Every structure is written in structure tokens, then in C-alpha cells.
Amino acid sequence: KRSVIGVYLGELITEREHYLRHRREDKWDMPDDPSEVAYLEEREHRLSSLKFGGPIGGSENGGHYCVALTPEWLERWFSVPQDLISVIDAEDPDRSSWCRLINHAPRKSLACNAVLKKNGTLVWVEALRDIAQFEEIQFNYGDHVPLH
């Protein structure tokens, strides 16, 4: 209990990079800046050429492997600077840790046996209770995740 299970590793990206990767309404709505176009094309090529462990949905994965580094209240009340490192994106298995594969569990569920902790750009997974061998590790992704 309260042991560190793993560190959530991935690419540290800015608010702008996060927008370009995951928030554009239309994937054909390309930016005007040639360096941003090259950035998106490189990412598309890198993800499409993965032989194993690529993100579900490829480059159109909806940011499902992202962890925000900025507090939710900051994003709600203020405009986050575009050049601020604000997200860990673990979509690429070659640039991330196994923690990207941990599934969601509702906060009050018995299946919720871990929690995500943050300090600056360091994010880790901590056990909430003893976890049995071969038991699936799950944590709550946040209140914004729809429950089915």
C-alpha cells in the first residue's frame, strides 16, 4: 500500500503541440506554419510505422494516452500559454512506459487500486491498497471520463 508502482513516462509536449495533435476539429485543418506541418507529418509517419504497441486509432487517438500537468482549475479559469509544457503524451510505446496501458476505474469502485500523483513534470502511479499478483492495476482518470 502506498508503494510506487510505476512512472508515467511519455513525450513532454506544449499546450500548442497538444492542440495540434489531439484537439483540432478536423484533421485536414492543417496549420499555416511549415514547421508545425512537418511536426505533424513526422508524428503521423512515426506512429503509422510502429510494428507493435501503437496507439488505438493511430495518430487520431484522441489524446487517450495524455496526462495533463496543469491543474484542472487553471485550465478552467485561465488561458494556458501555448508554449507551456502542459502534457505528457504517452501515445508512442517507444517513448513511454507501460503505465500508459493502465485502465480506468470509477473512484469508488473496488477495482480502483491505484492513484496518479504529480509533482511538476514527474507523474507516478501509487498503490492505494495491497494489489494481488496478476490483479489488473486501475486508477480513476478523472471526473470528465464518461461512465458506460
N, C-alpha and C. Protein backbone atom coordinates (compact mmCIF):
# COMPACT_ATOMS: atom_id res chain seq x y z
N LYS A 1 0.85 -1.18 0.00
CA LYS A 1 0.00 0.00 0.00
C LYS A 1 0.90 1.24 0.00
N ARG A 2 0.53 2.24 -0.78
CA ARG A 2 1.26 3.50 -0.95
C ARG A 2 2.64 3.31 -1.55
N SER A 3 2.85 2.18 -2.21
CA SER A 3 4.10 1.96 -2.92
C SER A 3 4.00 2.53 -4.32
N VAL A 4 5.11 3.00 -4.85
CA VAL A 4 5.14 3.45 -6.24
C VAL A 4 5.13 2.21 -7.13
N ILE A 5 4.18 2.17 -8.05
CA ILE A 5 4.03 1.04 -8.97
C ILE A 5 4.82 1.30 -10.24
N GLY A 6 4.80 2.53 -10.71
CA GLY A 6 5.50 2.86 -11.94
C GLY A 6 5.48 4.36 -12.19
N VAL A 7 6.29 4.78 -13.13
CA VAL A 7 6.37 6.19 -13.51
C VAL A 7 5.72 6.35 -14.88
N TYR A 8 4.83 7.35 -15.00
CA TYR A 8 4.13 7.61 -16.26
C TYR A 8 5.06 8.43 -17.15
N LEU A 9 5.68 7.77 -18.10
CA LEU A 9 6.62 8.43 -19.00
C LEU A 9 5.99 8.63 -20.37
N GLY A 10 6.43 9.65 -21.04
CA GLY A 10 5.98 9.95 -22.39
C GLY A 10 6.64 11.24 -22.85
N GLU A 11 6.20 11.72 -23.99
CA GLU A 11 6.76 12.97 -24.52
C GLU A 11 6.17 14.15 -23.74
N LEU A 12 7.04 15.05 -23.30
CA LEU A 12 6.58 16.29 -22.68
C LEU A 12 6.27 17.26 -23.81
N ILE A 13 5.00 17.63 -23.93
CA ILE A 13 4.61 18.50 -25.05
C ILE A 13 3.96 19.78 -24.53
N THR A 14 4.00 20.79 -25.37
CA THR A 14 3.42 22.08 -25.01
C THR A 14 1.91 22.06 -25.24
N GLU A 15 1.26 23.10 -24.76
CA GLU A 15 -0.17 23.26 -24.98
C GLU A 15 -0.47 23.31 -26.48
N ARG A 16 0.38 24.01 -27.24
CA ARG A 16 0.19 24.11 -28.70
C ARG A 16 0.34 22.75 -29.37
N GLU A 17 1.36 21.99 -28.98
CA GLU A 17 1.54 20.66 -29.57
C GLU A 17 0.36 19.75 -29.23
N HIS A 18 -0.15 19.88 -28.03
CA HIS A 18 -1.31 19.08 -27.64
C HIS A 18 -2.53 19.45 -28.50
N TYR A 19 -2.71 20.74 -28.73
CA TYR A 19 -3.81 21.18 -29.61
C TYR A 19 -3.63 20.58 -31.01
N LEU A 20 -2.42 20.70 -31.56
CA LEU A 20 -2.18 20.20 -32.92
C LEU A 20 -2.41 18.69 -33.02
N ARG A 21 -1.99 17.96 -32.02
CA ARG A 21 -2.12 16.50 -32.05
C ARG A 21 -3.54 16.02 -31.81
N HIS A 22 -4.23 16.63 -30.86
CA HIS A 22 -5.45 15.99 -30.36
C HIS A 22 -6.70 16.86 -30.31
N ARG A 23 -6.60 18.15 -30.50
CA ARG A 23 -7.79 19.00 -30.31
C ARG A 23 -8.31 19.64 -31.58
N ARG A 24 -7.61 19.51 -32.69
CA ARG A 24 -8.11 20.11 -33.92
C ARG A 24 -9.42 19.42 -34.29
N GLU A 25 -10.40 20.21 -34.68
CA GLU A 25 -11.71 19.66 -35.03
C GLU A 25 -11.64 18.79 -36.28
N ASP A 26 -10.81 19.18 -37.21
CA ASP A 26 -10.72 18.50 -38.49
C ASP A 26 -9.26 18.20 -38.77
N LYS A 27 -8.92 16.93 -38.96
CA LYS A 27 -7.52 16.59 -39.18
C LYS A 27 -6.96 17.23 -40.46
N TRP A 28 -7.84 17.65 -41.34
CA TRP A 28 -7.38 18.30 -42.58
C TRP A 28 -7.16 19.80 -42.37
N ASP A 29 -7.53 20.29 -41.21
CA ASP A 29 -7.32 21.70 -40.88
C ASP A 29 -5.86 21.87 -40.44
N MET A 30 -4.98 21.92 -41.43
CA MET A 30 -3.55 21.98 -41.15
C MET A 30 -3.13 23.41 -40.80
N PRO A 31 -2.14 23.53 -39.91
CA PRO A 31 -1.64 24.86 -39.55
C PRO A 31 -0.92 25.51 -40.72
N ASP A 32 -0.76 26.83 -40.65
CA ASP A 32 -0.06 27.56 -41.70
C ASP A 32 1.46 27.48 -41.58
N ASP A 33 1.94 27.28 -40.37
CA ASP A 33 3.37 27.25 -40.11
C ASP A 33 3.99 25.96 -40.67
N PRO A 34 4.95 26.06 -41.61
CA PRO A 34 5.56 24.86 -42.21
C PRO A 34 6.23 23.95 -41.18
N SER A 35 6.78 24.51 -40.11
CA SER A 35 7.42 23.65 -39.11
C SER A 35 6.37 22.83 -38.34
N GLU A 36 5.17 23.39 -38.15
CA GLU A 36 4.10 22.63 -37.49
C GLU A 36 3.57 21.54 -38.41
N VAL A 37 3.50 21.82 -39.69
CA VAL A 37 3.07 20.81 -40.67
C VAL A 37 4.07 19.66 -40.67
N ALA A 38 5.37 19.98 -40.71
CA ALA A 38 6.42 18.96 -40.69
C ALA A 38 6.35 18.15 -39.39
N TYR A 39 6.08 18.81 -38.28
CA TYR A 39 5.96 18.15 -36.98
C TYR A 39 4.83 17.11 -37.02
N LEU A 40 3.67 17.49 -37.56
CA LEU A 40 2.53 16.58 -37.64
C LEU A 40 2.78 15.43 -38.61
N GLU A 41 3.44 15.72 -39.72
CA GLU A 41 3.76 14.68 -40.69
C GLU A 41 4.75 13.67 -40.12
N GLU A 42 5.74 14.15 -39.38
CA GLU A 42 6.73 13.26 -38.75
C GLU A 42 6.04 12.35 -37.75
N ARG A 43 5.15 12.91 -36.95
CA ARG A 43 4.40 12.14 -35.95
C ARG A 43 3.54 11.08 -36.63
N GLU A 44 2.81 11.48 -37.66
CA GLU A 44 1.96 10.54 -38.41
C GLU A 44 2.79 9.38 -38.95
N HIS A 45 3.94 9.69 -39.55
CA HIS A 45 4.82 8.65 -40.10
C HIS A 45 5.34 7.73 -38.99
N ARG A 46 5.78 8.34 -37.88
CA ARG A 46 6.34 7.57 -36.76
C ARG A 46 5.29 6.60 -36.19
N LEU A 47 4.08 7.09 -35.96
CA LEU A 47 3.04 6.25 -35.37
C LEU A 47 2.55 5.18 -36.35
N SER A 48 2.45 5.52 -37.62
CA SER A 48 1.95 4.54 -38.60
C SER A 48 2.98 3.45 -38.90
N SER A 49 4.25 3.71 -38.61
CA SER A 49 5.28 2.71 -38.89
C SER A 49 5.57 1.80 -37.70
N LEU A 50 4.87 2.00 -36.58
CA LEU A 50 5.07 1.14 -35.41
C LEU A 50 4.61 -0.28 -35.72
N LYS A 51 5.42 -1.23 -35.37
CA LYS A 51 5.08 -2.64 -35.60
C LYS A 51 4.31 -3.23 -34.44
N PHE A 52 4.52 -2.70 -33.22
CA PHE A 52 3.90 -3.29 -32.03
C PHE A 52 3.57 -2.18 -31.04
N GLY A 53 2.40 -2.27 -30.45
CA GLY A 53 2.05 -1.39 -29.34
C GLY A 53 1.60 0.01 -29.72
N GLY A 54 1.32 0.24 -31.00
CA GLY A 54 0.88 1.56 -31.42
C GLY A 54 -0.45 1.92 -30.77
N PRO A 55 -0.73 3.21 -30.68
CA PRO A 55 -1.97 3.64 -30.03
C PRO A 55 -3.20 3.24 -30.83
N ILE A 56 -4.26 2.88 -30.12
CA ILE A 56 -5.53 2.58 -30.77
C ILE A 56 -5.97 3.85 -31.48
N GLY A 57 -6.24 3.76 -32.76
CA GLY A 57 -6.63 4.93 -33.54
C GLY A 57 -5.45 5.62 -34.21
N GLY A 58 -4.23 5.10 -34.00
CA GLY A 58 -3.05 5.71 -34.62
C GLY A 58 -2.89 7.15 -34.20
N SER A 59 -2.63 8.03 -35.16
CA SER A 59 -2.43 9.44 -34.83
C SER A 59 -3.75 10.13 -34.47
N GLU A 60 -4.87 9.48 -34.75
CA GLU A 60 -6.18 10.03 -34.40
C GLU A 60 -6.70 9.34 -33.14
N ASN A 61 -5.85 9.26 -32.11
CA ASN A 61 -6.21 8.53 -30.89
C ASN A 61 -6.94 9.38 -29.86
N GLY A 62 -7.19 10.63 -30.18
CA GLY A 62 -7.99 11.48 -29.30
C GLY A 62 -7.33 11.88 -27.99
N GLY A 63 -6.03 11.69 -27.90
CA GLY A 63 -5.33 12.08 -26.68
C GLY A 63 -5.56 11.13 -25.52
N HIS A 64 -5.92 9.88 -25.81
CA HIS A 64 -6.23 8.93 -24.75
C HIS A 64 -5.03 8.51 -23.92
N TYR A 65 -3.84 8.87 -24.36
CA TYR A 65 -2.63 8.50 -23.62
C TYR A 65 -1.99 9.73 -22.97
N CYS A 66 -2.75 10.80 -22.85
CA CYS A 66 -2.22 12.06 -22.31
C CYS A 66 -2.58 12.24 -20.84
N VAL A 67 -1.63 12.82 -20.11
CA VAL A 67 -1.87 13.23 -18.73
C VAL A 67 -1.54 14.71 -18.66
N ALA A 68 -2.50 15.49 -18.18
CA ALA A 68 -2.29 16.94 -18.04
C ALA A 68 -1.40 17.21 -16.84
N LEU A 69 -0.45 18.11 -17.02
CA LEU A 69 0.43 18.51 -15.92
C LEU A 69 -0.09 19.75 -15.22
N THR A 70 -0.95 20.50 -15.89
CA THR A 70 -1.52 21.71 -15.29
C THR A 70 -2.77 21.34 -14.51
N PRO A 71 -3.02 22.01 -13.40
CA PRO A 71 -4.23 21.71 -12.62
C PRO A 71 -5.49 22.03 -13.41
N GLU A 72 -6.54 21.25 -13.18
CA GLU A 72 -7.81 21.45 -13.89
C GLU A 72 -8.36 22.86 -13.68
N TRP A 73 -8.22 23.41 -12.47
CA TRP A 73 -8.76 24.74 -12.20
C TRP A 73 -8.06 25.80 -13.06
N LEU A 74 -6.77 25.60 -13.34
CA LEU A 74 -6.04 26.55 -14.18
C LEU A 74 -6.61 26.56 -15.59
N GLU A 75 -6.86 25.37 -16.12
CA GLU A 75 -7.40 25.26 -17.48
C GLU A 75 -8.82 25.82 -17.56
N ARG A 76 -9.58 25.71 -16.47
CA ARG A 76 -10.95 26.21 -16.47
C ARG A 76 -11.03 27.73 -16.41
N TRP A 77 -10.13 28.36 -15.67
CA TRP A 77 -10.24 29.78 -15.39
C TRP A 77 -9.28 30.66 -16.17
N PHE A 78 -8.22 30.08 -16.72
CA PHE A 78 -7.21 30.89 -17.42
C PHE A 78 -6.84 30.26 -18.74
N SER A 79 -6.35 31.06 -19.63
CA SER A 79 -5.82 30.57 -20.89
C SER A 79 -4.39 30.11 -20.64
N VAL A 80 -4.13 28.84 -20.87
CA VAL A 80 -2.80 28.28 -20.64
C VAL A 80 -1.89 28.75 -21.77
N PRO A 81 -0.71 29.29 -21.46
CA PRO A 81 0.22 29.74 -22.52
C PRO A 81 0.55 28.61 -23.49
N GLN A 82 0.56 28.92 -24.77
CA GLN A 82 0.76 27.93 -25.82
C GLN A 82 2.13 27.25 -25.77
N ASP A 83 3.13 27.94 -25.21
CA ASP A 83 4.47 27.36 -25.17
C ASP A 83 4.78 26.67 -23.84
N LEU A 84 3.78 26.53 -22.96
CA LEU A 84 3.96 25.89 -21.67
C LEU A 84 3.94 24.37 -21.83
N ILE A 85 4.95 23.69 -21.26
CA ILE A 85 4.92 22.23 -21.22
C ILE A 85 3.77 21.86 -20.29
N SER A 86 2.71 21.28 -20.86
CA SER A 86 1.49 21.09 -20.07
C SER A 86 0.95 19.66 -20.11
N VAL A 87 1.57 18.78 -20.91
CA VAL A 87 1.01 17.45 -21.10
C VAL A 87 2.13 16.42 -21.24
N ILE A 88 1.91 15.23 -20.68
CA ILE A 88 2.73 14.06 -21.01
C ILE A 88 1.90 13.25 -21.98
N ASP A 89 2.43 13.03 -23.18
CA ASP A 89 1.74 12.24 -24.20
C ASP A 89 2.48 10.92 -24.35
N ALA A 90 1.82 9.83 -23.94
CA ALA A 90 2.44 8.51 -23.95
C ALA A 90 1.90 7.65 -25.09
N GLU A 91 1.49 8.28 -26.20
CA GLU A 91 0.91 7.52 -27.31
C GLU A 91 1.92 6.60 -28.00
N ASP A 92 3.19 6.95 -27.99
CA ASP A 92 4.22 6.19 -28.68
C ASP A 92 4.89 5.23 -27.70
N PRO A 93 4.74 3.91 -27.90
CA PRO A 93 5.32 2.96 -26.95
C PRO A 93 6.85 3.03 -26.88
N ASP A 94 7.49 3.54 -27.92
CA ASP A 94 8.95 3.68 -27.91
C ASP A 94 9.40 4.88 -27.09
N ARG A 95 8.47 5.75 -26.73
CA ARG A 95 8.79 6.96 -25.98
C ARG A 95 7.99 7.06 -24.68
N SER A 96 7.54 5.92 -24.17
CA SER A 96 6.70 5.95 -22.97
C SER A 96 6.94 4.70 -22.12
N SER A 97 6.22 4.63 -21.01
CA SER A 97 6.33 3.48 -20.11
C SER A 97 5.06 2.63 -20.18
N TRP A 98 5.11 1.50 -19.52
CA TRP A 98 3.96 0.59 -19.51
C TRP A 98 2.74 1.20 -18.82
N CYS A 99 2.94 2.24 -18.04
CA CYS A 99 1.82 2.85 -17.30
C CYS A 99 0.75 3.40 -18.24
N ARG A 100 1.09 3.62 -19.50
CA ARG A 100 0.12 4.11 -20.48
C ARG A 100 -1.02 3.12 -20.70
N LEU A 101 -0.81 1.88 -20.30
CA LEU A 101 -1.79 0.83 -20.54
C LEU A 101 -2.72 0.59 -19.34
N ILE A 102 -2.54 1.35 -18.26
CA ILE A 102 -3.40 1.18 -17.09
C ILE A 102 -4.81 1.68 -17.43
N ASN A 103 -5.79 0.88 -17.10
CA ASN A 103 -7.18 1.20 -17.42
C ASN A 103 -7.85 2.05 -16.35
N HIS A 104 -9.00 2.60 -16.73
CA HIS A 104 -9.81 3.46 -15.85
C HIS A 104 -10.70 2.62 -14.95
N ALA A 105 -10.89 3.09 -13.74
CA ALA A 105 -11.89 2.53 -12.83
C ALA A 105 -12.54 3.69 -12.09
N PRO A 106 -13.86 3.65 -11.89
CA PRO A 106 -14.52 4.72 -11.14
C PRO A 106 -13.89 4.86 -9.75
N ARG A 107 -13.84 6.08 -9.25
CA ARG A 107 -13.17 6.39 -7.99
C ARG A 107 -13.63 5.51 -6.82
N LYS A 108 -14.93 5.25 -6.71
CA LYS A 108 -15.44 4.50 -5.56
C LYS A 108 -15.53 3.00 -5.84
N SER A 109 -15.03 2.57 -6.98
CA SER A 109 -15.08 1.16 -7.35
C SER A 109 -14.01 0.38 -6.58
N LEU A 110 -14.30 -0.87 -6.27
CA LEU A 110 -13.30 -1.73 -5.64
C LEU A 110 -12.14 -2.00 -6.58
N ALA A 111 -12.38 -1.87 -7.89
CA ALA A 111 -11.32 -2.10 -8.86
C ALA A 111 -10.28 -0.99 -8.85
N CYS A 112 -10.65 0.18 -8.33
CA CYS A 112 -9.72 1.32 -8.28
C CYS A 112 -8.68 1.06 -7.19
N ASN A 113 -7.49 0.62 -7.59
CA ASN A 113 -6.48 0.22 -6.62
C ASN A 113 -5.21 1.07 -6.71
N ALA A 114 -5.24 2.11 -7.51
CA ALA A 114 -4.05 2.95 -7.67
C ALA A 114 -4.49 4.39 -7.90
N VAL A 115 -3.54 5.31 -7.76
CA VAL A 115 -3.81 6.73 -7.96
C VAL A 115 -2.63 7.35 -8.69
N LEU A 116 -2.93 8.37 -9.48
CA LEU A 116 -1.89 9.10 -10.19
C LEU A 116 -1.45 10.27 -9.33
N LYS A 117 -0.16 10.43 -9.12
CA LYS A 117 0.39 11.54 -8.33
C LYS A 117 1.28 12.37 -9.24
N LYS A 118 1.34 13.69 -8.99
CA LYS A 118 2.13 14.59 -9.84
C LYS A 118 2.96 15.53 -8.99
N ASN A 119 4.14 15.87 -9.53
CA ASN A 119 4.98 16.90 -8.95
C ASN A 119 5.78 17.49 -10.11
N GLY A 120 5.34 18.64 -10.60
CA GLY A 120 5.99 19.24 -11.77
C GLY A 120 5.74 18.38 -12.99
N THR A 121 6.81 17.94 -13.64
CA THR A 121 6.66 17.09 -14.83
C THR A 121 6.84 15.61 -14.50
N LEU A 122 6.95 15.29 -13.22
CA LEU A 122 7.05 13.89 -12.80
C LEU A 122 5.67 13.39 -12.41
N VAL A 123 5.25 12.30 -13.02
CA VAL A 123 3.96 11.68 -12.72
C VAL A 123 4.22 10.21 -12.42
N TRP A 124 3.64 9.72 -11.34
CA TRP A 124 3.83 8.33 -10.98
C TRP A 124 2.51 7.72 -10.54
N VAL A 125 2.48 6.39 -10.52
CA VAL A 125 1.31 5.64 -10.11
C VAL A 125 1.63 5.03 -8.75
N GLU A 126 0.71 5.23 -7.81
CA GLU A 126 0.91 4.77 -6.43
C GLU A 126 -0.24 3.85 -6.05
N ALA A 127 0.07 2.75 -5.35
CA ALA A 127 -0.95 1.80 -4.91
C ALA A 127 -1.78 2.41 -3.79
N LEU A 128 -3.09 2.22 -3.84
CA LEU A 128 -3.99 2.65 -2.77
C LEU A 128 -4.15 1.57 -1.71
N ARG A 129 -3.88 0.34 -2.11
CA ARG A 129 -4.02 -0.82 -1.23
C ARG A 129 -3.09 -1.90 -1.73
N ASP A 130 -3.00 -2.99 -0.99
CA ASP A 130 -2.21 -4.12 -1.48
C ASP A 130 -2.86 -4.64 -2.75
N ILE A 131 -2.04 -4.95 -3.74
CA ILE A 131 -2.53 -5.44 -5.02
C ILE A 131 -2.05 -6.87 -5.19
N ALA A 132 -3.00 -7.77 -5.42
CA ALA A 132 -2.68 -9.19 -5.55
C ALA A 132 -1.90 -9.45 -6.84
N GLN A 133 -1.11 -10.50 -6.83
CA GLN A 133 -0.40 -10.90 -8.03
C GLN A 133 -1.41 -11.19 -9.14
N PHE A 134 -1.16 -10.70 -10.32
CA PHE A 134 -1.98 -10.84 -11.52
C PHE A 134 -3.27 -10.00 -11.49
N GLU A 135 -3.49 -9.21 -10.45
CA GLU A 135 -4.65 -8.31 -10.42
C GLU A 135 -4.38 -7.13 -11.35
N GLU A 136 -5.39 -6.75 -12.11
CA GLU A 136 -5.24 -5.61 -13.01
C GLU A 136 -5.11 -4.31 -12.20
N ILE A 137 -4.14 -3.49 -12.57
CA ILE A 137 -3.98 -2.18 -11.93
C ILE A 137 -4.89 -1.20 -12.65
N GLN A 138 -5.68 -0.43 -11.88
CA GLN A 138 -6.59 0.55 -12.45
C GLN A 138 -6.60 1.81 -11.59
N PHE A 139 -6.73 2.96 -12.23
CA PHE A 139 -6.91 4.20 -11.48
C PHE A 139 -7.99 5.04 -12.13
N ASN A 140 -8.48 6.03 -11.40
CA ASN A 140 -9.53 6.90 -11.90
C ASN A 140 -8.91 7.98 -12.78
N TYR A 141 -9.34 8.08 -14.03
CA TYR A 141 -8.78 9.06 -14.97
C TYR A 141 -9.26 10.48 -14.67
N GLY A 142 -10.32 10.61 -13.90
CA GLY A 142 -10.86 11.93 -13.59
C GLY A 142 -12.36 11.95 -13.80
N ASP A 143 -12.99 12.99 -13.31
CA ASP A 143 -14.43 13.10 -13.38
C ASP A 143 -14.96 13.34 -14.79
N HIS A 144 -14.08 13.76 -15.71
CA HIS A 144 -14.51 14.05 -17.08
C HIS A 144 -14.68 12.80 -17.93
N VAL A 145 -14.30 11.62 -17.40
CA VAL A 145 -14.41 10.38 -18.17
C VAL A 145 -15.83 9.87 -18.08
N PRO A 146 -16.50 9.69 -19.23
CA PRO A 146 -17.88 9.19 -19.19
C PRO A 146 -17.91 7.72 -18.75
N LEU A 147 -18.86 7.39 -17.90
CA LEU A 147 -19.01 6.01 -17.43
C LEU A 147 -20.09 5.34 -18.26
N HIS A 148 -19.81 4.13 -18.70
CA HIS A 148 -20.77 3.40 -19.54
C HIS A 148 -21.48 2.35 -18.73
